[in-house]
Amino acid sequence: MNIKVEALENNQVKFSFEVDADDVDARIKRTYRQVAKRYSFPGFRPGKAPRPVIDNIMGADAVRTTVTEDLVNEVYPQALEENNIVPLQRPDYQYELDLVEDHKPFNFTATVQVKPEYELSSYEPVEVEVPTSEATDEEIDAQIEELRNYYHDFKDANANTKVKPGEFVELTFSATDEEGNDVPALSADHRLYELGQGVYPESFDAELIGLKKGSLRGHLRCCLFSREEGHVPLQRQDRCYQEEDRS
C-alpha cells in the first residue's frame, strides 16, 4: 500500500491511498471466511458456505461493503499516526471505485483540516495600535434619549379617555386555552404596556384601541382583557441628564 501526503491551503492535508490488487483480494477472501464462520447458512456447516451462497443470501455487495469500510477505517488512522497529524474534523473521502473489486487496486483520498502551524518570529512584545473612536453629537443624543425613556411620570386618565396608538396603559388580562384552562404564561396583572412597540401582535393592540378605562373586551380564543387603569405620559424630564453632563 502506498500513501502520499500533500499539504493544501487553509491548513488542510490530503492523503492519497493506493491499495494494490493482491491486498484487496486477500482482504475479500478473509472476510468471506469470517462471514461463513459467523453466520449460519442452511445446508452448510459453519465456515463451509461458498461465496455464491453468501452473496445470494446477504446480497452481492454486503461483503465488499464490509471490506471497503474496514480498509478505510484501518489505513486512515494509521496514516495520521505515522505522519504525526492531528485532525480537527472528519475527513472528506473521495473514491475512484465505490467499493473494492476483485483483482483491482483500490484508490481513495482523504482531505482533512489540521491544526495550523505558527512560526515565532520574535520574542519581543507585540504592539497593537487600536484606532480611537469618538461619539458624534447624534450618537450622544440618541443614547441620552434611550436612557430618558426609562423615566416617566404618569397621571390617571379620566373615565372617558379612550386608548389611542402609542399610549401607555395598565393592563390586567387572563388567557385561556381552547379547553378553558388558564394559561399563566400569557396572563398578566397590572402590567404597564405601551402600544405600538411590537411586544404583542398588532391584532392585540387593535383590540385595545378605543377601550375606555375599566372596560372589558373578549379576544381570540376566549382570552379576556381587563383594563384596570388608563395612563397618559407626562412630559419626560431630564432630571439626571443635563446638557453640561453629556460628556
Protein backbone atom coordinates (compact mmCIF):
# COMPACT_ATOMS: atom_id res chain seq x y z
CA MET A 1 0.00 0.00 0.00
CA ASN A 2 1.25 3.45 -0.93
CA ILE A 3 0.33 6.60 0.99
CA LYS A 4 1.01 10.10 -0.30
CA VAL A 5 0.64 13.16 1.93
CA GLU A 6 0.06 16.58 0.38
CA ALA A 7 -0.24 19.90 2.23
CA LEU A 8 -3.01 22.13 0.88
CA GLU A 9 -4.07 25.70 1.55
CA ASN A 10 -6.11 26.75 4.60
CA ASN A 11 -4.45 24.19 6.90
CA GLN A 12 -5.69 21.15 5.01
CA VAL A 13 -3.88 17.89 4.32
CA LYS A 14 -4.74 15.45 1.56
CA PHE A 15 -3.92 11.75 1.90
CA SER A 16 -3.83 9.64 -1.26
CA PHE A 17 -4.09 5.89 -0.64
CA GLU A 18 -3.31 3.17 -3.17
CA VAL A 19 -4.04 -0.39 -2.08
CA ASP A 20 -2.72 -2.96 -4.56
CA ALA A 21 -4.93 -5.64 -6.07
CA ASP A 22 -3.28 -8.53 -4.19
CA ASP A 23 -4.02 -6.88 -0.85
CA VAL A 24 -7.63 -6.24 -1.89
CA ASP A 25 -8.10 -9.89 -2.96
CA ALA A 26 -6.65 -11.15 0.33
CA ARG A 27 -8.99 -8.93 2.35
CA ILE A 28 -12.02 -10.07 0.35
CA LYS A 29 -11.19 -13.77 0.81
CA ARG A 30 -10.54 -13.31 4.53
CA THR A 31 -13.86 -11.51 5.02
CA TYR A 32 -15.80 -14.25 3.21
CA ARG A 33 -14.24 -16.85 5.53
CA GLN A 34 -15.19 -14.78 8.58
CA VAL A 35 -18.76 -14.38 7.37
CA ALA A 36 -19.08 -18.10 6.67
CA LYS A 37 -17.98 -18.88 10.25
CA ARG A 38 -20.01 -16.15 11.94
CA TYR A 39 -23.40 -16.83 10.33
CA SER A 40 -25.42 -19.97 9.70
CA PHE A 41 -26.26 -20.85 6.11
CA PRO A 42 -28.82 -23.63 5.51
CA GLY A 43 -27.28 -26.83 4.18
CA PHE A 44 -23.69 -25.93 5.07
CA ARG A 45 -21.53 -26.49 8.11
CA PRO A 46 -20.08 -23.43 9.87
CA GLY A 47 -17.34 -21.90 7.75
CA LYS A 48 -18.12 -24.02 4.68
CA ALA A 49 -20.68 -21.88 2.83
CA PRO A 50 -19.33 -20.94 -0.63
CA ARG A 51 -19.16 -17.37 -1.87
CA PRO A 52 -22.17 -17.59 -4.26
CA VAL A 53 -24.40 -18.78 -1.40
CA ILE A 54 -23.25 -15.94 0.86
CA ASP A 55 -23.83 -13.38 -1.90
CA ASN A 56 -27.27 -14.81 -2.65
CA ILE A 57 -28.42 -14.61 0.98
CA MET A 58 -26.66 -11.47 2.22
CA GLY A 59 -26.54 -9.53 -1.03
CA ALA A 60 -23.85 -9.24 -3.67
CA ASP A 61 -22.34 -6.06 -2.18
CA ALA A 62 -22.52 -6.98 1.51
CA VAL A 63 -19.01 -8.39 1.83
CA ARG A 64 -17.45 -5.80 -0.46
CA THR A 65 -19.02 -3.05 1.62
CA THR A 66 -17.58 -4.56 4.79
CA VAL A 67 -14.13 -4.86 3.22
CA THR A 68 -14.22 -1.27 1.99
CA GLU A 69 -15.24 0.15 5.37
CA ASP A 70 -12.71 -1.94 7.28
CA LEU A 71 -9.95 -0.96 4.87
CA VAL A 72 -10.62 2.77 5.11
CA ASN A 73 -11.03 2.67 8.89
CA GLU A 74 -7.70 0.89 9.18
CA VAL A 75 -5.40 2.79 6.85
CA TYR A 76 -6.58 6.36 7.54
CA PRO A 77 -5.82 6.37 11.30
CA GLN A 78 -2.55 4.61 10.52
CA ALA A 79 -1.57 7.42 8.13
CA LEU A 80 -2.40 10.06 10.76
CA GLU A 81 -0.23 8.34 13.34
CA GLU A 82 2.72 7.76 11.03
CA ASN A 83 2.73 11.41 9.94
CA ASN A 84 2.03 12.83 13.42
CA ILE A 85 -1.05 14.72 12.20
CA VAL A 86 -3.92 15.77 14.46
CA PRO A 87 -7.19 16.22 12.53
CA LEU A 88 -9.73 18.85 13.56
CA GLN A 89 -12.72 17.30 11.83
CA ARG A 90 -13.94 14.22 9.98
CA PRO A 91 -12.16 13.68 6.66
CA ASP A 92 -13.71 14.20 3.25
CA TYR A 93 -13.32 10.91 1.35
CA GLN A 94 -13.20 10.60 -2.43
CA TYR A 95 -13.20 7.17 -4.07
CA GLU A 96 -12.26 6.06 -7.58
CA LEU A 97 -14.45 2.99 -7.02
CA ASP A 98 -17.41 2.96 -4.64
CA LEU A 99 -16.45 -0.50 -3.34
CA VAL A 100 -13.45 -2.79 -3.61
CA GLU A 101 -13.45 -5.20 -6.54
CA ASP A 102 -11.67 -8.48 -7.18
CA HIS A 103 -8.27 -8.24 -8.89
CA LYS A 104 -8.33 -4.40 -8.90
CA PRO A 105 -6.40 -1.88 -6.81
CA PHE A 106 -8.44 0.36 -4.55
CA ASN A 107 -7.54 4.06 -4.56
CA PHE A 108 -9.08 6.82 -2.49
CA THR A 109 -8.21 10.18 -0.95
CA ALA A 110 -8.96 11.74 2.43
CA THR A 111 -8.80 15.51 2.88
CA VAL A 112 -8.87 16.83 6.43
CA GLN A 113 -8.48 20.10 8.34
CA VAL A 114 -5.47 20.06 10.67
CA LYS A 115 -4.06 22.26 13.42
CA PRO A 116 -2.33 25.34 12.00
CA GLU A 117 1.40 25.73 12.41
CA TYR A 118 2.85 29.01 13.63
CA GLU A 119 6.38 30.30 13.38
CA LEU A 120 7.51 32.60 16.18
CA SER A 121 9.47 35.39 14.54
CA SER A 122 10.36 37.32 17.69
CA TYR A 123 10.20 37.14 21.46
CA GLU A 124 9.63 40.88 21.76
CA PRO A 125 6.22 42.11 22.99
CA VAL A 126 3.71 42.75 20.25
CA GLU A 127 2.38 46.29 19.96
CA VAL A 128 -1.10 46.75 18.57
CA GLU A 129 -2.38 50.18 17.64
CA VAL A 130 -6.07 50.48 18.44
CA PRO A 131 -7.86 53.18 16.44
CA THR A 132 -9.59 55.81 18.51
CA SER A 133 -13.31 56.35 18.20
CA GLU A 134 -15.27 59.42 19.21
CA ALA A 135 -19.02 59.56 19.56
CA THR A 136 -20.86 62.08 17.42
CA ASP A 137 -23.42 64.51 18.82
CA GLU A 138 -26.17 62.48 17.17
CA GLU A 139 -24.98 59.28 18.86
CA ILE A 140 -24.79 61.01 22.24
CA ASP A 141 -28.28 62.45 21.82
CA ALA A 142 -29.63 59.03 20.83
CA GLN A 143 -28.06 57.41 23.89
CA ILE A 144 -29.42 60.10 26.23
CA GLU A 145 -32.88 59.74 24.70
CA GLU A 146 -32.75 55.98 25.18
CA LEU A 147 -31.85 56.42 28.86
CA ARG A 148 -34.57 59.02 29.31
CA ASN A 149 -37.12 56.51 28.10
CA TYR A 150 -36.70 54.65 31.38
CA TYR A 151 -38.01 57.62 33.39
CA HIS A 152 -41.68 58.56 33.04
CA ASP A 153 -44.21 60.43 35.11
CA PHE A 154 -47.82 59.40 34.67
CA LYS A 155 -51.20 60.69 35.72
CA ASP A 156 -54.50 58.85 35.71
CA ALA A 157 -56.73 59.37 32.72
CA ASN A 158 -60.35 60.32 33.26
CA ALA A 159 -63.08 57.74 32.92
CA ASN A 160 -64.00 58.69 29.35
CA THR A 161 -60.46 58.57 27.96
CA LYS A 162 -60.08 56.12 25.08
CA VAL A 163 -56.92 54.24 24.24
CA LYS A 164 -55.01 55.58 21.26
CA PRO A 165 -51.99 54.24 19.36
CA GLY A 166 -48.69 54.92 21.13
CA GLU A 167 -50.23 55.49 24.58
CA PHE A 168 -49.32 53.85 27.86
CA VAL A 169 -51.94 51.73 29.59
CA GLU A 170 -52.02 49.48 32.62
CA LEU A 171 -53.49 46.09 31.81
CA THR A 172 -54.79 43.13 33.73
CA PHE A 173 -55.63 40.24 31.44
CA SER A 174 -56.04 36.50 31.64
CA ALA A 175 -55.71 33.91 28.89
CA THR A 176 -57.33 30.51 28.49
CA ASP A 177 -56.74 27.70 26.04
CA GLU A 178 -59.32 26.02 23.83
CA GLU A 179 -60.49 23.87 26.74
CA GLY A 180 -60.93 26.83 29.07
CA ASN A 181 -57.82 26.20 31.16
CA ASP A 182 -55.82 29.17 32.40
CA VAL A 183 -52.53 29.92 30.65
CA PRO A 184 -50.41 31.76 33.27
CA ALA A 185 -47.55 32.42 30.85
CA LEU A 186 -49.86 34.52 28.67
CA SER A 187 -51.57 36.35 31.53
CA ALA A 188 -50.54 39.47 33.45
CA ASP A 189 -51.71 41.57 36.39
CA HIS A 190 -51.33 45.37 36.44
CA ARG A 191 -48.83 45.41 33.61
CA LEU A 192 -47.67 48.72 32.16
CA TYR A 193 -47.84 48.47 28.39
CA GLU A 194 -47.03 50.85 25.55
CA LEU A 195 -48.93 50.27 22.34
CA GLY A 196 -47.06 50.03 19.06
CA GLN A 197 -43.75 48.67 20.40
CA GLY A 198 -44.17 45.18 18.95
CA VAL A 199 -44.27 43.41 22.33
CA TYR A 200 -47.57 41.80 21.32
CA PRO A 201 -49.00 41.27 17.82
CA GLU A 202 -50.68 44.18 16.06
CA SER A 203 -54.03 42.42 16.47
CA PHE A 204 -53.58 42.67 20.24
CA ASP A 205 -53.07 46.44 20.05
CA ALA A 206 -56.03 46.74 17.72
CA GLU A 207 -58.29 45.19 20.37
CA LEU A 208 -57.13 47.80 22.90
CA ILE A 209 -57.63 50.89 20.75
CA GLY A 210 -60.88 52.59 21.62
CA LEU A 211 -61.28 50.97 25.03
CA LYS A 212 -62.23 53.16 27.98
CA LYS A 213 -60.83 53.00 31.47
CA GLY A 214 -62.02 49.86 33.30
CA SER A 215 -63.70 48.32 30.25
CA LEU A 216 -63.56 44.63 29.28
CA ARG A 217 -63.26 43.01 25.86
CA GLY A 218 -63.05 39.45 24.65
CA HIS A 219 -60.14 38.38 22.49
CA LEU A 220 -59.16 35.48 20.26
CA ARG A 221 -59.61 32.01 21.75
CA CYS A 222 -61.64 33.36 24.63
CA CYS A 223 -58.80 35.46 26.06
CA LEU A 224 -60.26 38.19 28.29
CA PHE A 225 -58.53 41.53 28.76
CA SER A 226 -59.44 43.79 31.68
CA ARG A 227 -58.09 47.32 31.51
CA GLU A 228 -57.86 48.46 35.12
CA GLU A 229 -56.46 51.97 34.63
CA GLY A 230 -55.55 54.19 31.74
CA HIS A 231 -52.43 56.32 31.87
CA VAL A 232 -51.08 59.06 29.68
CA PRO A 233 -47.42 60.07 29.96
CA LEU A 234 -46.45 63.48 31.24
CA GLN A 235 -43.65 65.32 29.55
CA ARG A 236 -40.42 63.44 30.08
CA GLN A 237 -37.91 65.50 32.01
CA ASP A 238 -34.13 65.33 32.24
CA ARG A 239 -33.57 65.07 35.95
CA CYS A 240 -30.23 63.30 35.73
CA TYR A 241 -29.04 64.03 32.23
CA GLN A 242 -28.27 67.69 31.60
CA GLU A 243 -26.58 69.17 28.58
CA GLU A 244 -23.46 70.02 30.55
CA ASP A 245 -23.13 66.39 31.68
CA ARG A 246 -23.18 64.85 28.20
CA SER A 247 -19.51 64.03 28.34
